[in-house]
Amino acid sequence: MSRLNFLLLIAVLLSGVTLVRSAYEARRLFTELDRAQAEGRRLEADSQRLQAERHAQATNLRVEQVARERLHMRAIGPAVTQEVTDQAAKPAHNAASGAKS
């Protein structure tokens, strides 16, 4: 009988240790999951913030401002427009039209 009691005592102790270990593992995994979810929420918030910043940077007014300040560009108008003609094509064009006359 004492041998049976000893085996049952060992079985109960092993069962208790296993139960404590599984509870600890469950708490550790839950904490890790919670941290991962918090990191995911933080990354999602960063992504939305960066998309909003990108949208703000891509507005027409912002692009025009950067073009003027950094690239020293200016708006096109009749005062800055220059007409360029191809001098080499002009004689050939005149010769072709003269042959038809």
C-alpha atoms as a PDB file:
ATOM      1  CA  MET A   1       0.000   0.000   0.000  1.00  0.00           C
ATOM      2  CA  SER A   2       2.786   2.420   0.786  1.00  0.00           C
ATOM      3  CA  ARG A   3       4.299   1.797  -2.611  1.00  0.00           C
ATOM      4  CA  LEU A   4       0.985   2.751  -4.275  1.00  0.00           C
ATOM      5  CA  ASN A   5       0.753   5.870  -2.119  1.00  0.00           C
ATOM      6  CA  PHE A   6       4.308   6.829  -3.062  1.00  0.00           C
ATOM      7  CA  LEU A   7       3.544   6.420  -6.800  1.00  0.00           C
ATOM      8  CA  LEU A   8       0.346   8.453  -6.448  1.00  0.00           C
ATOM      9  CA  LEU A   9       2.273  11.164  -4.560  1.00  0.00           C
ATOM     10  CA  ILE A  10       4.878  11.312  -7.366  1.00  0.00           C
ATOM     11  CA  ALA A  11       2.088  11.460  -9.987  1.00  0.00           C
ATOM     12  CA  VAL A  12       0.355  14.323  -8.140  1.00  0.00           C
ATOM     13  CA  LEU A  13       3.641  16.246  -7.798  1.00  0.00           C
ATOM     14  CA  LEU A  14       4.468  15.805 -11.483  1.00  0.00           C
ATOM     15  CA  SER A  15       0.945  16.846 -12.398  1.00  0.00           C
ATOM     16  CA  GLY A  16       1.268  19.973 -10.228  1.00  0.00           C
ATOM     17  CA  VAL A  17       4.640  20.903 -11.731  1.00  0.00           C
ATOM     18  CA  THR A  18       3.234  20.411 -15.235  1.00  0.00           C
ATOM     19  CA  LEU A  19       0.206  22.556 -14.374  1.00  0.00           C
ATOM     20  CA  VAL A  20       2.381  25.368 -12.995  1.00  0.00           C
ATOM     21  CA  ARG A  21       4.688  25.206 -16.018  1.00  0.00           C
ATOM     22  CA  SER A  22       1.791  25.342 -18.503  1.00  0.00           C
ATOM     23  CA  ALA A  23       0.194  28.281 -16.629  1.00  0.00           C
ATOM     24  CA  TYR A  24       3.524  30.137 -16.697  1.00  0.00           C
ATOM     25  CA  GLU A  25       3.940  29.413 -20.411  1.00  0.00           C
ATOM     26  CA  ALA A  26       0.379  30.601 -21.111  1.00  0.00           C
ATOM     27  CA  ARG A  27       1.027  33.891 -19.260  1.00  0.00           C
ATOM     28  CA  ARG A  28       4.336  34.372 -21.097  1.00  0.00           C
ATOM     29  CA  LEU A  29       2.694  33.765 -24.481  1.00  0.00           C
ATOM     30  CA  PHE A  30      -0.206  36.081 -23.628  1.00  0.00           C
ATOM     31  CA  THR A  31       2.245  38.851 -22.666  1.00  0.00           C
ATOM     32  CA  GLU A  32       4.198  38.312 -25.897  1.00  0.00           C
ATOM     33  CA  LEU A  33       0.970  38.427 -27.931  1.00  0.00           C
ATOM     34  CA  ASP A  34      -0.089  41.639 -26.188  1.00  0.00           C
ATOM     35  CA  ARG A  35       3.289  43.240 -26.954  1.00  0.00           C
ATOM     36  CA  ALA A  36       3.096  42.175 -30.586  1.00  0.00           C
ATOM     37  CA  GLN A  37      -0.417  43.606 -30.916  1.00  0.00           C
ATOM     38  CA  ALA A  38       0.707  46.887 -29.315  1.00  0.00           C
ATOM     39  CA  GLU A  39       3.631  47.047 -31.752  1.00  0.00           C
ATOM     40  CA  GLY A  40       1.230  46.367 -34.638  1.00  0.00           C
ATOM     41  CA  ARG A  41      -1.033  49.205 -33.509  1.00  0.00           C
ATOM     42  CA  ARG A  42       1.973  51.526 -33.196  1.00  0.00           C
ATOM     43  CA  LEU A  43       3.194  50.593 -36.675  1.00  0.00           C
ATOM     44  CA  GLU A  44      -0.299  51.104 -38.134  1.00  0.00           C
ATOM     45  CA  ALA A  45      -0.466  54.564 -36.542  1.00  0.00           C
ATOM     46  CA  ASP A  46       2.994  55.395 -37.940  1.00  0.00           C
ATOM     47  CA  SER A  47       1.910  54.186 -41.373  1.00  0.00           C
ATOM     48  CA  GLN A  48      -1.193  56.386 -41.328  1.00  0.00           C
ATOM     49  CA  ARG A  49       0.854  59.381 -40.135  1.00  0.00           C
ATOM     50  CA  LEU A  50       3.429  58.861 -42.896  1.00  0.00           C
ATOM     51  CA  GLN A  51       0.702  58.527 -45.533  1.00  0.00           C
ATOM     52  CA  ALA A  52      -0.835  61.780 -44.334  1.00  0.00           C
ATOM     53  CA  GLU A  53       2.581  63.476 -44.503  1.00  0.00           C
ATOM     54  CA  ARG A  54       3.194  62.099 -47.999  1.00  0.00           C
ATOM     55  CA  HIS A  55      -0.211  63.356 -49.102  1.00  0.00           C
ATOM     56  CA  ALA A  56       0.537  66.792 -47.653  1.00  0.00           C
ATOM     57  CA  GLN A  57       3.922  66.876 -49.418  1.00  0.00           C
ATOM     58  CA  ALA A  58       2.399  65.923 -52.768  1.00  0.00           C
ATOM     59  CA  THR A  59      -0.123  68.744 -53.032  1.00  0.00           C
ATOM     60  CA  ASN A  60       0.181  71.016 -56.069  1.00  0.00           C
ATOM     61  CA  LEU A  61       0.957  74.031 -53.910  1.00  0.00           C
ATOM     62  CA  ARG A  62       3.795  72.193 -52.138  1.00  0.00           C
ATOM     63  CA  VAL A  63       5.256  70.878 -55.410  1.00  0.00           C
ATOM     64  CA  GLU A  64       5.165  74.377 -56.906  1.00  0.00           C
ATOM     65  CA  GLN A  65       6.808  75.838 -53.798  1.00  0.00           C
ATOM     66  CA  VAL A  66       9.623  73.263 -53.890  1.00  0.00           C
ATOM     67  CA  ALA A  67      10.112  73.826 -57.622  1.00  0.00           C
ATOM     68  CA  ARG A  68      10.505  77.558 -57.091  1.00  0.00           C
ATOM     69  CA  GLU A  69      12.680  77.454 -53.965  1.00  0.00           C
ATOM     70  CA  ARG A  70      14.942  74.443 -54.479  1.00  0.00           C
ATOM     71  CA  LEU A  71      15.019  74.074 -58.255  1.00  0.00           C
ATOM     72  CA  HIS A  72      14.755  77.799 -59.047  1.00  0.00           C
ATOM     73  CA  MET A  73      12.019  77.155 -61.598  1.00  0.00           C
ATOM     74  CA  ARG A  74       9.471  79.736 -62.650  1.00  0.00           C
ATOM     75  CA  ALA A  75       6.047  79.675 -64.213  1.00  0.00           C
ATOM     76  CA  ILE A  76       5.868  79.714 -67.986  1.00  0.00           C
ATOM     77  CA  GLY A  77       4.535  82.809 -69.705  1.00  0.00           C
ATOM     78  CA  PRO A  78       4.859  84.730 -72.950  1.00  0.00           C
ATOM     79  CA  ALA A  79       7.752  86.770 -71.544  1.00  0.00           C
ATOM     80  CA  VAL A  80       9.925  83.698 -70.986  1.00  0.00           C
ATOM     81  CA  THR A  81       8.896  81.725 -74.068  1.00  0.00           C
ATOM     82  CA  GLN A  82      11.396  81.517 -76.887  1.00  0.00           C
ATOM     83  CA  GLU A  83      10.669  80.192 -80.341  1.00  0.00           C
ATOM     84  CA  VAL A  84      13.352  77.934 -81.769  1.00  0.00           C
ATOM     85  CA  THR A  85      13.510  77.171 -85.461  1.00  0.00           C
ATOM     86  CA  ASP A  86      15.532  74.491 -87.177  1.00  0.00           C
ATOM     87  CA  GLN A  87      17.706  76.302 -89.729  1.00  0.00           C
ATOM     88  CA  ALA A  88      18.776  73.061 -91.416  1.00  0.00           C
ATOM     89  CA  ALA A  89      15.191  72.046 -92.159  1.00  0.00           C
ATOM     90  CA  LYS A  90      14.200  75.442 -93.566  1.00  0.00           C
ATOM     91  CA  PRO A  91      16.265  75.295 -96.822  1.00  0.00           C
ATOM     92  CA  ALA A  92      15.093  71.767 -97.523  1.00  0.00           C
ATOM     93  CA  HIS A  93      11.509  72.853 -96.949  1.00  0.00           C
ATOM     94  CA  ASN A  94      11.944  75.880 -99.260  1.00  0.00           C
ATOM     95  CA  ALA A  95      13.569  73.755-101.949  1.00  0.00           C
ATOM     96  CA  ALA A  96      10.723  71.261-101.830  1.00  0.00           C
ATOM     97  CA  SER A  97       8.095  73.979-102.066  1.00  0.00           C
ATOM     98  CA  GLY A  98      10.034  75.701-104.884  1.00  0.00           C
ATOM     99  CA  ALA A  99      10.068  72.515-106.928  1.00  0.00           C
ATOM    100  CA  LYS A 100       6.297  72.313-106.754  1.00  0.00           C
ATOM    101  CA  SER A 101       5.804  75.890-108.071  1.00  0.00           C
END
